[in-house]
Amino acid sequence: MKVVDGYIYLRNLKFHAHHGVLPQEHATGNDYVVNLRIGYPLQDAMMSDAVDDTLNYAEVYQLVKVEMKRPHALIERVAASIVEALEKAYPAIQTIDIDILKCNPPMGADGDGAGVELHLKKEQS
């Protein structure tokens, strides 16, 4: 069989970060949940059993952790900074699906949170 698509994913990564538009959000922070699904060529890793032939999810986690520590006003910008860092570190990435949930947004509603979801595909050159 031939691999058509391969993905590495990280689910429900939890962070406390200081993103937001309001000054209080920068001061006290909020809880966030990040999910990633990254399209990556996995054929070599399937045969070699070598971590150097795949996208190391521990390294991806560390990259996301660093980006979540950098405060931004909008969650959209947080997602973009994570995507930019991933693209720079791993040029072989083909697609990225990312969603970021702010668990307690200051909007006066009773719910699980609010967030963004992006689906990105590398442009063919």
Protein backbone atom coordinates (compact mmCIF):
# COMPACT_ATOMS: atom_id res chain seq x y z
CA MET A 1 0.00 0.00 0.00
CA LYS A 2 1.01 3.59 -0.59
CA VAL A 3 0.63 6.30 2.04
CA VAL A 4 -1.68 8.98 0.69
CA ASP A 5 -1.51 11.32 3.69
CA GLY A 6 0.20 11.16 7.06
CA TYR A 7 -0.38 13.27 10.15
CA ILE A 8 1.20 13.92 13.52
CA TYR A 9 -1.22 15.30 16.08
CA LEU A 10 -1.17 16.76 19.56
CA ARG A 11 -4.50 16.98 21.35
CA ASN A 12 -5.74 19.03 24.26
CA LEU A 13 -2.48 20.76 25.14
CA LYS A 14 -3.26 22.92 28.16
CA PHE A 15 -1.60 26.26 28.85
CA HIS A 16 -2.09 29.27 31.08
CA ALA A 17 -1.22 32.34 29.01
CA HIS A 18 -1.70 36.10 28.92
CA HIS A 19 -3.41 36.74 25.58
CA GLY A 20 -6.32 39.11 25.20
CA VAL A 21 -7.57 42.55 24.35
CA LEU A 22 -8.42 43.65 27.89
CA PRO A 23 -5.70 44.76 30.36
CA GLN A 24 -7.06 42.28 32.92
CA GLU A 25 -6.41 39.41 30.50
CA HIS A 26 -2.76 40.43 30.24
CA ALA A 27 -2.47 40.73 34.02
CA THR A 28 -4.22 37.54 35.19
CA GLY A 29 -4.10 35.36 32.09
CA ASN A 30 -6.49 32.62 31.06
CA ASP A 31 -6.51 28.91 30.40
CA TYR A 32 -6.17 27.71 26.80
CA VAL A 33 -6.41 24.39 25.00
CA VAL A 34 -4.49 23.85 21.75
CA ASN A 35 -5.03 21.06 19.21
CA LEU A 36 -2.75 20.44 16.23
CA ARG A 37 -2.93 18.09 13.26
CA ILE A 38 0.13 18.38 11.01
CA GLY A 39 0.39 16.81 7.58
CA TYR A 40 3.90 15.47 7.19
CA PRO A 41 5.62 12.87 4.96
CA LEU A 42 5.84 9.80 7.21
CA GLN A 43 6.90 7.16 4.65
CA ASP A 44 10.58 7.18 5.62
CA ALA A 45 9.81 6.89 9.35
CA MET A 46 7.51 3.95 8.68
CA MET A 47 10.43 2.03 7.22
CA SER A 48 13.38 3.31 9.25
CA ASP A 49 11.83 3.42 12.74
CA ALA A 50 14.06 6.49 13.31
CA VAL A 51 12.78 9.64 15.01
CA ASP A 52 14.96 11.74 12.66
CA ASP A 53 12.69 10.64 9.79
CA THR A 54 9.51 11.99 11.35
CA LEU A 55 8.10 15.09 12.98
CA ASN A 56 9.10 14.76 16.63
CA TYR A 57 5.96 15.64 18.59
CA ALA A 58 7.97 16.41 21.74
CA GLU A 59 9.83 19.12 19.81
CA VAL A 60 6.55 20.39 18.34
CA TYR A 61 5.12 20.66 21.86
CA GLN A 62 8.12 22.70 23.03
CA LEU A 63 7.70 25.06 20.09
CA VAL A 64 3.98 25.55 20.87
CA LYS A 65 4.83 26.12 24.54
CA VAL A 66 7.27 28.90 23.64
CA GLU A 67 4.76 30.59 21.34
CA MET A 68 1.95 30.39 23.93
CA LYS A 69 4.16 32.35 26.35
CA ARG A 70 4.33 35.33 23.93
CA PRO A 71 1.33 37.56 24.68
CA HIS A 72 -0.88 38.71 21.82
CA ALA A 73 -4.18 40.57 21.75
CA LEU A 74 -5.94 38.09 19.44
CA ILE A 75 -6.06 34.30 19.45
CA GLU A 76 -5.85 34.51 15.67
CA ARG A 77 -2.37 36.00 16.03
CA VAL A 78 -1.39 33.33 18.55
CA ALA A 79 -2.39 30.64 16.05
CA ALA A 80 -0.47 32.42 13.27
CA SER A 81 2.69 32.65 15.40
CA ILE A 82 2.53 28.91 16.12
CA VAL A 83 2.05 28.15 12.42
CA GLU A 84 4.92 30.45 11.42
CA ALA A 85 7.27 28.82 13.93
CA LEU A 86 6.28 25.33 12.75
CA GLU A 87 6.81 26.23 9.09
CA LYS A 88 10.23 27.69 9.86
CA ALA A 89 11.36 24.70 11.93
CA TYR A 90 9.91 22.00 9.65
CA PRO A 91 9.81 23.00 5.97
CA ALA A 92 8.45 19.57 4.93
CA ILE A 93 5.10 20.27 6.65
CA GLN A 94 2.31 20.09 4.08
CA THR A 95 -0.77 21.05 6.12
CA ILE A 96 -1.60 22.35 9.57
CA ASP A 97 -4.94 22.24 11.33
CA ILE A 98 -4.89 24.21 14.57
CA ASP A 99 -7.55 25.20 17.03
CA ILE A 100 -7.11 27.28 20.15
CA LEU A 101 -9.80 27.52 22.80
CA LYS A 102 -9.85 30.30 25.41
CA CYS A 103 -11.55 28.55 28.32
CA ASN A 104 -13.00 31.54 30.19
CA PRO A 105 -13.37 34.46 27.79
CA PRO A 106 -14.63 37.71 29.32
CA MET A 107 -17.93 37.81 27.44
CA GLY A 108 -20.52 37.14 30.14
CA ALA A 109 -21.66 33.81 28.76
CA ASP A 110 -21.89 30.37 30.34
CA GLY A 111 -20.03 28.01 28.01
CA ASP A 112 -16.87 26.02 27.45
CA GLY A 113 -15.04 28.91 25.82
CA ALA A 114 -14.36 30.67 22.55
CA GLY A 115 -11.60 30.26 20.04
CA VAL A 116 -10.32 29.94 16.51
CA GLU A 117 -9.80 27.06 14.13
CA LEU A 118 -7.54 27.31 11.08
CA HIS A 119 -6.86 24.87 8.24
CA LEU A 120 -3.70 25.71 6.30
CA LYS A 121 -2.08 24.11 3.27
CA LYS A 122 1.39 24.79 1.90
CA GLU A 123 1.25 26.72 -1.34
CA GLN A 124 2.74 24.86 -4.27
CA SER A 125 5.66 26.73 -5.82
